[in-house]
Amino acid sequence: MRLSPHAPPRTASSSARRRRRHDAALRTAAVLALCCLVLSALVEASWQPLVSVDAEISRTTHRWAVAEDGVTAAFRVLTDWVWDPLTLRALTVAVAVWLAWRRAQWWPALWLVAVVAVAAVLQQVLKAVLARPRPVWPDPVDHARYAAFPSGHAMTAAVCCGLLLWVLHRCGVGRRLWRAAVALAVVSVVGVGLTRVWLGVHWPSDVVGGWLLGAMTVTAAVVVHERLPRLREAGSRSYANARPRPCSRA
């Protein structure tokens, strides 16, 4: 079968698709960054409608947490061991080691570790800058350290689950495994946010802020991952073309 002389080459078509995906990811990261900025500003300003909604939801869930001892105990196990930030970061680092050791994919492995580290630093910087107090209850069912916004559990879950899904997608897993992984990631990200509010250690907007920041971090990191190798290749080609050529003999 012969290609029409007017048909564009396949390489050009795939390059255009990659460029469209890159532009879409860049726009998504910008929108998420704007949402994070707006929510952080509202938290810093103690915007009354946001404070009222947070307080109303938190009072309701705290009453449930005090009344339902079994559910509260189960949520503490999930939030302290299964969905704990250290657990999720360790899992992501283990996947990075596997990529480097078994598949010799050093750049994606280093990228995974770097994104997890940057997300942890960003989370702590925002906590220190905004210094939002956590909910205080006369009969607390759990305790937590540091400031409230953003929720470190929610942000870490969004970052780690997003990164691991991206790795699975690149590995080309089967449809059933992909669907199971997406379902598990959604349950983990949503579930850890709900446990933090239920246990009374975060306001709902802390959790939403963690989700937004996590999604923004992953999207921006994917853009960087796809962009840097091409920049290096372009720089190498430019350097090779710019080297002086040896003079030919007359």
Foldseek 3Di string as FASTA:
>chain_A
DDDDPPDDDPVVVVVVVVVVVLVVLVVLLVVLVVVLVVLLVCLLVVPPVQVVVLVVLLVVLQVVCVVDVVVLVVLCCCDVPVLDLVVLLVVQLVVLCCCCPVVVPNLLSVLSNVLLVVLVVVQQVSLVVSVADFDDDPDAPDEDDTGAAADPSLLSLLQSLLSVLVVCVVVPDDPVVSVVSVVVSVCSNVSNLVSCSSRRGYGNSNNVSSNSSNSSSSSVSVSCSVPVVVVVVVVVVVVVVPDDDDDDDD
